[in-house]
N, C-alpha and C. Protein backbone atom coordinates (compact mmCIF):
# COMPACT_ATOMS: atom_id res chain seq x y z
N UNK A 1 -46.15 -96.99 -17.17
CA UNK A 1 -47.03 -97.64 -18.06
C UNK A 1 -46.30 -98.48 -18.98
N UNK A 2 -45.21 -97.83 -19.65
CA UNK A 2 -44.32 -98.62 -20.66
C UNK A 2 -43.74 -99.74 -20.21
N UNK A 3 -43.21 -99.68 -18.81
CA UNK A 3 -42.45 -100.78 -18.16
C UNK A 3 -43.55 -101.99 -17.97
N UNK A 4 -44.58 -101.62 -17.39
CA UNK A 4 -45.74 -102.65 -17.03
C UNK A 4 -46.07 -103.34 -18.36
N UNK A 5 -46.37 -102.66 -19.55
CA UNK A 5 -46.67 -103.36 -20.77
C UNK A 5 -45.73 -104.08 -21.34
N UNK A 6 -44.41 -103.70 -21.25
CA UNK A 6 -43.43 -104.67 -21.97
C UNK A 6 -43.06 -105.73 -21.01
N UNK A 7 -42.96 -105.68 -19.67
CA UNK A 7 -42.79 -106.73 -18.89
C UNK A 7 -43.83 -107.74 -18.63
N UNK A 8 -45.11 -107.19 -18.49
CA UNK A 8 -46.10 -108.19 -18.24
C UNK A 8 -47.19 -108.21 -19.30
N UNK A 9 -47.03 -107.51 -20.27
CA UNK A 9 -48.00 -107.44 -21.53
C UNK A 9 -49.22 -107.07 -20.91
N UNK A 10 -49.61 -106.10 -20.09
CA UNK A 10 -50.65 -105.58 -19.49
C UNK A 10 -50.80 -104.11 -20.16
N UNK A 11 -52.12 -103.71 -20.28
CA UNK A 11 -52.39 -102.28 -20.96
C UNK A 11 -53.49 -101.73 -19.90
N UNK A 12 -53.87 -100.54 -20.24
CA UNK A 12 -54.66 -99.73 -19.49
C UNK A 12 -56.09 -99.87 -20.19
N UNK A 13 -57.05 -100.26 -19.50
CA UNK A 13 -58.41 -100.25 -20.24
C UNK A 13 -58.85 -98.61 -20.03
N UNK A 14 -58.70 -97.98 -20.97
CA UNK A 14 -58.91 -96.40 -20.90
C UNK A 14 -60.62 -96.28 -20.81
N UNK A 15 -61.46 -97.00 -21.34
CA UNK A 15 -62.75 -96.76 -21.24
C UNK A 15 -63.13 -97.04 -19.85
N UNK A 16 -62.87 -98.19 -19.31
CA UNK A 16 -63.21 -98.69 -17.92
C UNK A 16 -62.56 -97.40 -16.98
N UNK A 17 -61.40 -97.15 -17.06
CA UNK A 17 -60.83 -96.12 -16.32
C UNK A 17 -61.43 -94.63 -16.21
N UNK A 18 -62.04 -94.37 -17.40
CA UNK A 18 -62.75 -93.27 -17.65
C UNK A 18 -64.12 -93.22 -16.86
N UNK A 19 -64.71 -94.53 -17.03
CA UNK A 19 -66.05 -94.53 -16.28
C UNK A 19 -65.79 -94.44 -14.83
N UNK A 20 -64.86 -95.20 -14.19
CA UNK A 20 -64.33 -95.18 -12.82
C UNK A 20 -64.20 -93.73 -12.45
N UNK A 21 -63.37 -92.94 -13.11
CA UNK A 21 -63.12 -91.60 -13.04
C UNK A 21 -64.56 -90.65 -13.11
N UNK A 22 -65.31 -91.02 -13.98
CA UNK A 22 -66.63 -90.20 -13.81
C UNK A 22 -67.35 -90.57 -12.65
N UNK A 23 -67.50 -91.80 -12.25
CA UNK A 23 -68.29 -92.13 -11.04
C UNK A 23 -67.56 -91.41 -9.81
N UNK A 24 -66.43 -91.50 -9.73
CA UNK A 24 -65.73 -90.86 -8.59
C UNK A 24 -65.85 -89.52 -8.61
N UNK A 25 -65.71 -88.73 -9.69
CA UNK A 25 -65.89 -87.37 -9.75
C UNK A 25 -67.41 -86.84 -9.42
N UNK A 26 -68.28 -87.63 -9.76
CA UNK A 26 -69.62 -87.43 -9.46
C UNK A 26 -69.89 -87.41 -7.98
N UNK A 27 -69.21 -88.47 -7.34
CA UNK A 27 -69.41 -88.62 -5.85
C UNK A 27 -68.70 -87.66 -5.19
N UNK A 28 -67.52 -87.35 -5.73
CA UNK A 28 -66.68 -86.20 -4.97
C UNK A 28 -67.45 -84.85 -5.03
N UNK A 29 -67.90 -84.48 -6.41
CA UNK A 29 -68.61 -83.24 -6.31
C UNK A 29 -69.85 -83.34 -5.68
N UNK A 30 -70.75 -84.20 -5.24
CA UNK A 30 -71.85 -84.17 -4.56
C UNK A 30 -71.43 -84.11 -3.04
N UNK A 31 -70.42 -84.80 -2.75
CA UNK A 31 -69.85 -84.91 -1.31
C UNK A 31 -69.47 -83.50 -0.88
N UNK A 32 -68.46 -82.82 -1.96
CA UNK A 32 -67.98 -81.45 -1.58
C UNK A 32 -69.08 -80.58 -1.42
N UNK A 33 -70.10 -80.56 -2.31
CA UNK A 33 -71.22 -79.57 -2.32
C UNK A 33 -72.08 -79.58 -1.02
N UNK A 34 -72.12 -80.87 -0.49
CA UNK A 34 -72.74 -81.02 0.79
C UNK A 34 -72.18 -80.65 1.84
N UNK A 35 -70.65 -81.06 1.99
CA UNK A 35 -70.02 -80.62 3.21
C UNK A 35 -69.51 -79.24 3.32
N UNK A 36 -69.55 -78.68 2.10
CA UNK A 36 -69.12 -77.27 2.15
C UNK A 36 -70.04 -76.40 2.97
N UNK A 37 -71.49 -76.80 2.92
CA UNK A 37 -72.54 -75.93 3.65
C UNK A 37 -72.56 -76.36 5.08
N UNK A 38 -71.68 -77.49 5.66
CA UNK A 38 -71.70 -77.71 6.97
C UNK A 38 -70.79 -76.98 7.79
N UNK A 39 -71.06 -76.66 8.96
CA UNK A 39 -70.13 -75.96 10.03
C UNK A 39 -70.17 -76.85 11.27
N UNK A 40 -69.60 -78.09 11.14
CA UNK A 40 -69.56 -78.99 12.23
C UNK A 40 -68.28 -79.40 12.60
N UNK A 41 -68.18 -79.92 13.73
CA UNK A 41 -66.63 -80.38 14.03
C UNK A 41 -66.03 -81.34 12.87
N UNK A 42 -64.73 -81.30 12.64
CA UNK A 42 -64.03 -81.81 11.57
C UNK A 42 -64.41 -83.37 11.57
N UNK A 43 -64.41 -84.05 12.67
CA UNK A 43 -64.74 -85.65 12.63
C UNK A 43 -66.00 -85.92 12.08
N UNK A 44 -67.01 -85.29 12.57
CA UNK A 44 -68.44 -85.32 12.11
C UNK A 44 -68.65 -85.01 10.47
N UNK A 45 -68.07 -83.97 10.05
CA UNK A 45 -67.66 -83.63 8.68
C UNK A 45 -67.30 -84.72 7.79
N UNK A 46 -66.09 -85.23 8.44
CA UNK A 46 -65.32 -86.46 7.77
C UNK A 46 -66.32 -87.50 7.67
N UNK A 47 -67.10 -87.87 8.76
CA UNK A 47 -67.81 -89.07 8.74
C UNK A 47 -69.03 -88.83 7.70
N UNK A 48 -69.69 -87.76 7.59
CA UNK A 48 -70.75 -87.38 6.75
C UNK A 48 -70.31 -87.48 5.37
N UNK A 49 -69.19 -86.78 5.09
CA UNK A 49 -68.56 -86.87 3.70
C UNK A 49 -68.26 -88.19 3.26
N UNK A 50 -67.41 -89.03 4.15
CA UNK A 50 -67.29 -90.40 3.75
C UNK A 50 -68.48 -91.22 3.28
N UNK A 51 -69.32 -91.03 4.24
CA UNK A 51 -70.82 -91.85 3.81
C UNK A 51 -71.55 -91.18 2.59
N UNK A 52 -71.47 -89.87 2.45
CA UNK A 52 -72.15 -89.64 1.07
C UNK A 52 -71.49 -90.10 0.07
N UNK A 53 -70.06 -89.92 0.02
CA UNK A 53 -69.18 -90.33 -0.96
C UNK A 53 -69.34 -91.86 -1.19
N UNK A 54 -69.42 -92.71 -0.18
CA UNK A 54 -69.79 -94.08 -0.46
C UNK A 54 -71.11 -94.52 -0.98
N UNK A 55 -72.03 -93.84 -0.58
CA UNK A 55 -73.42 -94.05 -1.20
C UNK A 55 -73.50 -93.66 -2.54
N UNK A 56 -72.96 -92.37 -2.68
CA UNK A 56 -73.21 -91.93 -4.22
C UNK A 56 -72.13 -92.83 -5.18
N UNK A 57 -71.02 -93.14 -4.74
CA UNK A 57 -70.30 -93.88 -5.75
C UNK A 57 -70.86 -95.41 -5.86
N UNK A 58 -71.22 -96.05 -4.60
CA UNK A 58 -72.10 -97.25 -4.80
C UNK A 58 -73.31 -97.30 -5.74
N UNK A 59 -73.87 -96.23 -5.80
CA UNK A 59 -75.11 -96.05 -6.76
C UNK A 59 -74.56 -95.75 -8.07
N UNK A 60 -73.69 -94.63 -8.30
CA UNK A 60 -73.26 -94.27 -9.64
C UNK A 60 -72.37 -95.18 -10.39
N UNK A 61 -71.51 -95.99 -9.83
CA UNK A 61 -70.44 -96.79 -10.64
C UNK A 61 -71.28 -97.82 -11.46
N UNK A 62 -72.29 -98.68 -10.75
CA UNK A 62 -72.92 -99.55 -11.63
C UNK A 62 -73.83 -98.94 -12.60
N UNK A 63 -74.40 -97.82 -12.41
CA UNK A 63 -75.27 -96.97 -13.17
C UNK A 63 -74.59 -96.48 -14.44
N UNK A 64 -73.30 -96.16 -14.22
CA UNK A 64 -72.54 -95.64 -15.31
C UNK A 64 -71.82 -96.89 -16.04
N UNK A 65 -71.64 -97.93 -15.41
CA UNK A 65 -70.95 -99.18 -16.20
C UNK A 65 -69.56 -99.17 -15.74
N UNK A 66 -69.15 -98.45 -14.72
CA UNK A 66 -67.78 -98.61 -14.22
C UNK A 66 -67.55 -100.12 -13.59
N UNK A 67 -68.51 -100.67 -13.01
CA UNK A 67 -68.20 -102.15 -12.47
C UNK A 67 -69.36 -103.02 -13.03
N UNK A 68 -69.01 -104.43 -13.17
CA UNK A 68 -69.84 -105.43 -13.86
C UNK A 68 -70.07 -106.54 -13.04
N UNK A 69 -70.63 -107.43 -13.33
CA UNK A 69 -71.08 -108.70 -12.60
C UNK A 69 -69.73 -109.41 -12.30
N UNK A 70 -68.81 -109.38 -13.02
CA UNK A 70 -67.45 -110.11 -12.67
C UNK A 70 -66.72 -109.40 -11.65
N UNK A 71 -66.68 -107.99 -11.63
CA UNK A 71 -66.15 -107.35 -10.58
C UNK A 71 -66.69 -107.73 -9.19
N UNK A 72 -67.97 -107.65 -9.30
CA UNK A 72 -68.86 -108.03 -7.91
C UNK A 72 -68.34 -109.55 -7.50
N UNK A 73 -68.41 -110.43 -8.40
CA UNK A 73 -67.92 -111.71 -7.86
C UNK A 73 -66.42 -111.74 -7.44
N UNK A 74 -65.51 -111.11 -8.02
CA UNK A 74 -63.99 -110.84 -7.59
C UNK A 74 -63.93 -110.33 -6.23
N UNK A 75 -64.81 -109.03 -5.95
CA UNK A 75 -65.01 -108.70 -4.78
C UNK A 75 -65.43 -109.54 -3.78
N UNK A 76 -66.59 -110.24 -4.12
CA UNK A 76 -67.09 -111.27 -3.06
C UNK A 76 -65.95 -112.44 -2.63
N UNK A 77 -65.20 -112.79 -3.63
CA UNK A 77 -63.95 -113.70 -3.36
C UNK A 77 -62.84 -113.20 -2.57
N UNK A 78 -62.55 -111.99 -2.79
CA UNK A 78 -61.68 -111.29 -2.03
C UNK A 78 -61.98 -110.97 -0.48
N UNK A 79 -63.35 -110.43 -0.49
CA UNK A 79 -63.94 -110.24 0.96
C UNK A 79 -63.93 -111.38 1.82
N UNK A 80 -64.16 -112.47 1.07
CA UNK A 80 -64.24 -113.89 1.95
C UNK A 80 -63.18 -114.06 2.85
N UNK A 81 -62.13 -113.45 2.37
CA UNK A 81 -60.73 -113.75 3.30
C UNK A 81 -60.77 -112.86 4.87
N UNK A 82 -61.75 -112.12 4.62
CA UNK A 82 -61.90 -111.15 5.88
C UNK A 82 -62.63 -112.01 7.17
N UNK A 83 -63.21 -113.08 6.84
CA UNK A 83 -63.84 -113.79 7.84
C UNK A 83 -65.25 -113.13 8.11
N UNK A 84 -65.44 -113.00 9.36
CA UNK A 84 -66.84 -112.71 9.93
C UNK A 84 -67.04 -111.31 9.43
N UNK A 85 -66.01 -110.43 9.17
CA UNK A 85 -66.23 -109.12 8.67
C UNK A 85 -66.72 -108.90 7.12
N UNK A 86 -66.72 -110.02 6.34
CA UNK A 86 -66.87 -110.12 5.09
C UNK A 86 -68.48 -109.79 4.90
N UNK A 87 -69.24 -110.39 5.98
CA UNK A 87 -70.68 -110.05 6.02
C UNK A 87 -71.12 -108.72 5.90
N UNK A 88 -70.45 -107.79 6.39
CA UNK A 88 -70.75 -106.32 6.57
C UNK A 88 -70.71 -105.94 4.92
N UNK A 89 -69.93 -106.58 4.10
CA UNK A 89 -70.07 -105.88 2.81
C UNK A 89 -71.04 -106.51 2.01
N UNK A 90 -71.70 -107.54 2.27
CA UNK A 90 -72.76 -108.11 1.42
C UNK A 90 -74.02 -107.20 1.22
N UNK A 91 -74.31 -106.30 2.12
CA UNK A 91 -75.40 -105.27 1.70
C UNK A 91 -75.06 -104.42 0.59
N UNK A 92 -73.90 -103.65 0.58
CA UNK A 92 -73.63 -102.80 -0.40
C UNK A 92 -73.47 -103.62 -1.81
N UNK A 93 -72.75 -104.84 -1.75
CA UNK A 93 -72.57 -105.62 -3.03
C UNK A 93 -74.05 -106.11 -3.60
N UNK A 94 -74.86 -106.45 -2.76
CA UNK A 94 -76.32 -106.77 -3.03
C UNK A 94 -76.99 -105.75 -3.74
N UNK A 95 -76.67 -104.45 -3.21
CA UNK A 95 -77.43 -103.19 -3.86
C UNK A 95 -76.91 -103.15 -5.27
N UNK A 96 -75.41 -103.21 -5.12
CA UNK A 96 -74.75 -103.00 -6.59
C UNK A 96 -75.26 -103.95 -7.58
N UNK A 97 -75.38 -105.15 -7.16
CA UNK A 97 -75.95 -106.23 -8.07
C UNK A 97 -77.36 -105.72 -8.57
N UNK A 98 -78.22 -105.42 -7.77
CA UNK A 98 -79.43 -105.00 -8.12
C UNK A 98 -79.42 -103.85 -9.16
N UNK A 99 -78.61 -103.02 -8.90
CA UNK A 99 -78.53 -101.76 -9.85
C UNK A 99 -77.92 -102.32 -11.09
N UNK A 100 -77.02 -103.23 -11.31
CA UNK A 100 -76.44 -103.90 -12.25
C UNK A 100 -77.73 -104.37 -13.11
N UNK A 101 -78.40 -105.17 -12.42
CA UNK A 101 -79.71 -105.83 -13.14
C UNK A 101 -80.52 -104.79 -13.73
N UNK A 102 -81.01 -103.62 -13.04
CA UNK A 102 -81.63 -102.65 -13.63
C UNK A 102 -81.14 -102.01 -14.82
N UNK A 103 -79.83 -101.69 -14.73
CA UNK A 103 -79.24 -101.20 -15.98
C UNK A 103 -79.14 -102.12 -17.06
N UNK A 104 -79.04 -103.35 -17.00
CA UNK A 104 -78.94 -104.29 -18.02
C UNK A 104 -80.35 -104.51 -18.64
N UNK A 105 -81.47 -104.38 -17.70
CA UNK A 105 -82.80 -104.36 -18.25
C UNK A 105 -83.15 -103.33 -19.31
N UNK A 106 -82.50 -102.05 -18.98
CA UNK A 106 -82.89 -100.90 -19.66
C UNK A 106 -82.15 -100.80 -21.02
């Protein structure tokens, strides 16, 4: 961190990092609590766990304030480079945008 700060005058946004950590911890806790109860083949457990984590993180990150409208715009710009695959990500990004609008109104 010292090298990056000195060379590039960049710093860590601790508040934002803490929010991302909180959203990730929440998603990981819910995922672990769910898959710990399963006795399925590993590949099914992995698929279910990944799905639960992604859904939980997608919902919790905007509600906690870990991501904002600018982050969504940056993700859309980045994902445009994937060509036709970029359309797959429109649904989760639209959900996140709507959650951001809900939290901003509250």
